[in-house]
C-alpha atoms as a PDB file:
ATOM      1  CA  UNK A   1      -4.137 -24.099 -13.283  1.00  0.00           C
ATOM      2  CA  UNK A   2      -3.297 -22.054 -16.357  1.00  0.00           C
ATOM      3  CA  UNK A   3       0.318 -22.636 -17.466  1.00  0.00           C
ATOM      4  CA  UNK A   4       2.774 -19.782 -16.966  1.00  0.00           C
ATOM      5  CA  UNK A   5       3.426 -19.821 -20.726  1.00  0.00           C
ATOM      6  CA  UNK A   6      -0.112 -18.466 -21.245  1.00  0.00           C
ATOM      7  CA  UNK A   7      -0.135 -16.337 -18.119  1.00  0.00           C
ATOM      8  CA  UNK A   8       2.020 -13.535 -19.547  1.00  0.00           C
ATOM      9  CA  UNK A   9      -0.414 -13.018 -22.433  1.00  0.00           C
ATOM     10  CA  UNK A  10      -3.355 -13.136 -20.005  1.00  0.00           C
ATOM     11  CA  UNK A  11      -1.622 -10.555 -17.801  1.00  0.00           C
ATOM     12  CA  UNK A  12      -0.997  -8.230 -20.777  1.00  0.00           C
ATOM     13  CA  UNK A  13      -4.642  -8.306 -21.818  1.00  0.00           C
ATOM     14  CA  UNK A  14      -5.844  -8.001 -18.215  1.00  0.00           C
ATOM     15  CA  UNK A  15      -3.621  -4.933 -17.694  1.00  0.00           C
ATOM     16  CA  UNK A  16      -4.907  -3.350 -20.896  1.00  0.00           C
ATOM     17  CA  UNK A  17      -8.547  -4.012 -20.038  1.00  0.00           C
ATOM     18  CA  UNK A  18      -8.207  -2.884 -16.426  1.00  0.00           C
ATOM     19  CA  UNK A  19      -6.573   0.314 -17.628  1.00  0.00           C
ATOM     20  CA  UNK A  20      -9.815   1.093 -19.435  1.00  0.00           C
ATOM     21  CA  UNK A  21     -11.929   1.836 -16.364  1.00  0.00           C
ATOM     22  CA  UNK A  22     -14.860   3.146 -18.364  1.00  0.00           C
ATOM     23  CA  UNK A  23     -17.089   0.303 -19.646  1.00  0.00           C
ATOM     24  CA  UNK A  24     -17.637   2.198 -22.882  1.00  0.00           C
ATOM     25  CA  UNK A  25     -13.866   2.367 -23.467  1.00  0.00           C
ATOM     26  CA  UNK A  26     -13.518  -1.382 -22.833  1.00  0.00           C
ATOM     27  CA  UNK A  27     -16.358  -2.098 -25.217  1.00  0.00           C
ATOM     28  CA  UNK A  28     -14.783   0.149 -27.856  1.00  0.00           C
ATOM     29  CA  UNK A  29     -11.445  -1.630 -27.386  1.00  0.00           C
ATOM     30  CA  UNK A  30     -13.131  -5.016 -27.902  1.00  0.00           C
ATOM     31  CA  UNK A  31     -15.032  -3.742 -30.921  1.00  0.00           C
ATOM     32  CA  UNK A  32     -11.801  -2.488 -32.503  1.00  0.00           C
ATOM     33  CA  UNK A  33     -10.170  -5.885 -31.882  1.00  0.00           C
ATOM     34  CA  UNK A  34     -13.211  -7.623 -33.320  1.00  0.00           C
ATOM     35  CA  UNK A  35     -13.079  -5.608 -36.504  1.00  0.00           C
ATOM     36  CA  UNK A  36      -9.508  -6.819 -36.938  1.00  0.00           C
ATOM     37  CA  UNK A  37     -10.469 -10.487 -37.240  1.00  0.00           C
ATOM     38  CA  UNK A  38     -10.224 -11.771 -40.801  1.00  0.00           C
ATOM     39  CA  UNK A  39     -13.487 -12.387 -42.615  1.00  0.00           C
ATOM     40  CA  UNK A  40     -14.198 -16.112 -42.656  1.00  0.00           C
ATOM     41  CA  UNK A  41     -14.969 -18.011 -45.833  1.00  0.00           C
ATOM     42  CA  UNK A  42     -18.511 -19.353 -45.983  1.00  0.00           C
ATOM     43  CA  UNK A  43     -17.199 -22.952 -45.876  1.00  0.00           C
ATOM     44  CA  UNK A  44     -15.626 -22.221 -42.481  1.00  0.00           C
ATOM     45  CA  UNK A  45     -18.972 -21.435 -40.853  1.00  0.00           C
ATOM     46  CA  UNK A  46     -20.112 -25.000 -40.318  1.00  0.00           C
ATOM     47  CA  UNK A  47     -22.385 -26.318 -37.588  1.00  0.00           C
ATOM     48  CA  UNK A  48     -19.487 -28.462 -36.313  1.00  0.00           C
ATOM     49  CA  UNK A  49     -17.532 -25.270 -35.611  1.00  0.00           C
ATOM     50  CA  UNK A  50     -20.439 -23.346 -34.104  1.00  0.00           C
ATOM     51  CA  UNK A  51     -20.675 -22.949 -30.342  1.00  0.00           C
ATOM     52  CA  UNK A  52     -24.155 -23.790 -29.161  1.00  0.00           C
ATOM     53  CA  UNK A  53     -25.414 -22.101 -26.031  1.00  0.00           C
ATOM     54  CA  UNK A  54     -24.083 -18.616 -26.775  1.00  0.00           C
ATOM     55  CA  UNK A  55     -26.406 -15.648 -27.006  1.00  0.00           C
ATOM     56  CA  UNK A  56     -24.608 -14.656 -30.226  1.00  0.00           C
ATOM     57  CA  UNK A  57     -23.716 -16.974 -33.060  1.00  0.00           C
ATOM     58  CA  UNK A  58     -20.038 -17.897 -32.570  1.00  0.00           C
ATOM     59  CA  UNK A  59     -17.800 -20.150 -34.652  1.00  0.00           C
ATOM     60  CA  UNK A  60     -14.373 -21.337 -33.529  1.00  0.00           C
ATOM     61  CA  UNK A  61     -11.848 -23.706 -35.100  1.00  0.00           C
ATOM     62  CA  UNK A  62      -8.166 -24.624 -35.025  1.00  0.00           C
ATOM     63  CA  UNK A  63      -6.527 -22.983 -38.019  1.00  0.00           C
ATOM     64  CA  UNK A  64      -2.968 -24.206 -37.841  1.00  0.00           C
ATOM     65  CA  UNK A  65      -0.842 -26.689 -36.066  1.00  0.00           C
ATOM     66  CA  UNK A  66       2.792 -26.484 -36.997  1.00  0.00           C
ATOM     67  CA  UNK A  67       5.331 -29.276 -36.801  1.00  0.00           C
ATOM     68  CA  UNK A  68       6.364 -28.175 -33.303  1.00  0.00           C
ATOM     69  CA  UNK A  69       2.718 -28.487 -32.168  1.00  0.00           C
ATOM     70  CA  UNK A  70       2.177 -24.735 -31.907  1.00  0.00           C
ATOM     71  CA  UNK A  71      -1.503 -23.998 -32.407  1.00  0.00           C
ATOM     72  CA  UNK A  72      -3.466 -21.138 -33.921  1.00  0.00           C
ATOM     73  CA  UNK A  73      -7.225 -20.668 -33.807  1.00  0.00           C
ATOM     74  CA  UNK A  74      -9.662 -18.682 -35.894  1.00  0.00           C
ATOM     75  CA  UNK A  75     -13.289 -17.818 -35.488  1.00  0.00           C
ATOM     76  CA  UNK A  76     -15.971 -15.231 -35.821  1.00  0.00           C
ATOM     77  CA  UNK A  77     -19.312 -14.128 -34.466  1.00  0.00           C
ATOM     78  CA  UNK A  78     -22.335 -12.173 -35.598  1.00  0.00           C
ATOM     79  CA  UNK A  79     -21.503  -9.828 -32.688  1.00  0.00           C
ATOM     80  CA  UNK A  80     -18.499  -7.555 -33.156  1.00  0.00           C
ATOM     81  CA  UNK A  81     -18.088  -7.463 -29.352  1.00  0.00           C
ATOM     82  CA  UNK A  82     -17.787 -11.268 -29.270  1.00  0.00           C
ATOM     83  CA  UNK A  83     -15.332 -11.050 -32.176  1.00  0.00           C
ATOM     84  CA  UNK A  84     -13.194  -8.828 -29.949  1.00  0.00           C
ATOM     85  CA  UNK A  85     -13.393 -11.352 -27.128  1.00  0.00           C
ATOM     86  CA  UNK A  86     -12.401 -14.111 -29.555  1.00  0.00           C
ATOM     87  CA  UNK A  87      -9.458 -11.963 -30.643  1.00  0.00           C
ATOM     88  CA  UNK A  88      -8.255 -11.762 -27.037  1.00  0.00           C
ATOM     89  CA  UNK A  89      -8.483 -15.514 -26.559  1.00  0.00           C
ATOM     90  CA  UNK A  90      -6.712 -16.108 -29.879  1.00  0.00           C
ATOM     91  CA  UNK A  91      -3.960 -13.735 -28.777  1.00  0.00           C
ATOM     92  CA  UNK A  92      -3.554 -15.698 -25.563  1.00  0.00           C
ATOM     93  CA  UNK A  93      -3.302 -19.147 -27.148  1.00  0.00           C
ATOM     94  CA  UNK A  94      -1.607 -18.214 -30.433  1.00  0.00           C
ATOM     95  CA  UNK A  95       1.502 -20.334 -30.802  1.00  0.00           C
ATOM     96  CA  UNK A  96       0.872 -22.293 -27.606  1.00  0.00           C
ATOM     97  CA  UNK A  97       1.138 -26.055 -27.473  1.00  0.00           C
ATOM     98  CA  UNK A  98      -1.978 -28.168 -27.139  1.00  0.00           C
ATOM     99  CA  UNK A  99      -0.817 -29.425 -23.731  1.00  0.00           C
ATOM    100  CA  UNK A 100      -0.690 -25.821 -22.468  1.00  0.00           C
ATOM    101  CA  UNK A 101      -4.089 -24.855 -23.880  1.00  0.00           C
ATOM    102  CA  UNK A 102      -5.679 -27.962 -22.358  1.00  0.00           C
ATOM    103  CA  UNK A 103      -4.661 -26.653 -18.915  1.00  0.00           C
ATOM    104  CA  UNK A 104      -6.157 -23.178 -19.294  1.00  0.00           C
ATOM    105  CA  UNK A 105      -8.727 -22.832 -16.528  1.00  0.00           C
ATOM    106  CA  UNK A 106     -12.101 -21.085 -16.508  1.00  0.00           C
ATOM    107  CA  UNK A 107     -10.696 -18.479 -14.133  1.00  0.00           C
ATOM    108  CA  UNK A 108      -9.075 -16.793 -17.138  1.00  0.00           C
ATOM    109  CA  UNK A 109     -12.416 -15.052 -17.774  1.00  0.00           C
ATOM    110  CA  UNK A 110     -12.399 -13.445 -14.337  1.00  0.00           C
ATOM    111  CA  UNK A 111      -8.681 -12.574 -14.503  1.00  0.00           C
ATOM    112  CA  UNK A 112      -9.294 -10.757 -17.783  1.00  0.00           C
ATOM    113  CA  UNK A 113     -12.267  -8.987 -16.240  1.00  0.00           C
ATOM    114  CA  UNK A 114     -14.511 -10.059 -19.096  1.00  0.00           C
ATOM    115  CA  UNK A 115     -17.167 -11.209 -16.646  1.00  0.00           C
ATOM    116  CA  UNK A 116     -17.608  -7.683 -15.297  1.00  0.00           C
ATOM    117  CA  UNK A 117     -18.913  -5.982 -18.413  1.00  0.00           C
ATOM    118  CA  UNK A 118     -20.695  -8.552 -20.539  1.00  0.00           C
ATOM    119  CA  UNK A 119     -24.398  -9.146 -20.117  1.00  0.00           C
ATOM    120  CA  UNK A 120     -25.220 -12.177 -17.948  1.00  0.00           C
ATOM    121  CA  UNK A 121     -26.452 -14.045 -21.046  1.00  0.00           C
ATOM    122  CA  UNK A 122     -23.022 -13.713 -22.619  1.00  0.00           C
ATOM    123  CA  UNK A 123     -21.214 -15.241 -19.646  1.00  0.00           C
ATOM    124  CA  UNK A 124     -22.094 -18.714 -20.856  1.00  0.00           C
ATOM    125  CA  UNK A 125     -20.568 -17.868 -24.236  1.00  0.00           C
ATOM    126  CA  UNK A 126     -17.281 -16.904 -22.573  1.00  0.00           C
ATOM    127  CA  UNK A 127     -17.121 -20.258 -20.774  1.00  0.00           C
ATOM    128  CA  UNK A 128     -17.970 -22.081 -23.999  1.00  0.00           C
ATOM    129  CA  UNK A 129     -15.088 -20.366 -25.808  1.00  0.00           C
ATOM    130  CA  UNK A 130     -12.601 -21.525 -23.154  1.00  0.00           C
ATOM    131  CA  UNK A 131     -14.117 -25.026 -23.207  1.00  0.00           C
ATOM    132  CA  UNK A 132     -13.848 -25.241 -27.004  1.00  0.00           C
ATOM    133  CA  UNK A 133     -10.243 -24.048 -27.040  1.00  0.00           C
ATOM    134  CA  UNK A 134      -9.375 -26.765 -24.517  1.00  0.00           C
ATOM    135  CA  UNK A 135     -11.364 -29.518 -26.233  1.00  0.00           C
ATOM    136  CA  UNK A 136      -9.992 -28.714 -29.698  1.00  0.00           C
ATOM    137  CA  UNK A 137      -6.471 -28.694 -28.276  1.00  0.00           C
ATOM    138  CA  UNK A 138      -7.141 -32.089 -26.664  1.00  0.00           C
ATOM    139  CA  UNK A 139      -8.462 -33.545 -29.904  1.00  0.00           C
ATOM    140  CA  UNK A 140      -5.536 -32.281 -31.929  1.00  0.00           C
ATOM    141  CA  UNK A 141      -3.030 -33.414 -29.331  1.00  0.00           C
ATOM    142  CA  UNK A 142      -4.483 -36.909 -29.517  1.00  0.00           C
ATOM    143  CA  UNK A 143      -4.057 -36.960 -33.285  1.00  0.00           C
ATOM    144  CA  UNK A 144      -7.723 -36.578 -34.219  1.00  0.00           C
ATOM    145  CA  UNK A 145      -8.142 -34.740 -37.521  1.00  0.00           C
ATOM    146  CA  UNK A 146     -10.407 -31.773 -36.978  1.00  0.00           C
ATOM    147  CA  UNK A 147     -10.869 -28.244 -38.165  1.00  0.00           C
END
């Protein structure tokens, strides 16, 4: 079960997305979020950071872990729509502790409504993003150097 500490961010994004009843408006919202992601450096786009199994090319990595174990992630995609989806997930987990991120369940995709307007081929990519956030949080929580 997703921790309540992440639930408020999930609820905010879910409310925003559900308020955009028109699929074109939701897509435009995601595209605008995606354009707001910082451009990655070429050395950040490694195969280790790439998610395999996504229809688009997607890279994801932990960017910061402060002394109080708060985590921040970064990433990008060759699809601006997927960049917007990454931005939502980053907004949800930004500043969360690894122990909280590890407990985020796959149901977050459905609660956000992301499953209702992405092509079926992109659904796997959404699950892979959640999986990677959890696995990177687990690695970092266990003291493994990564990123």
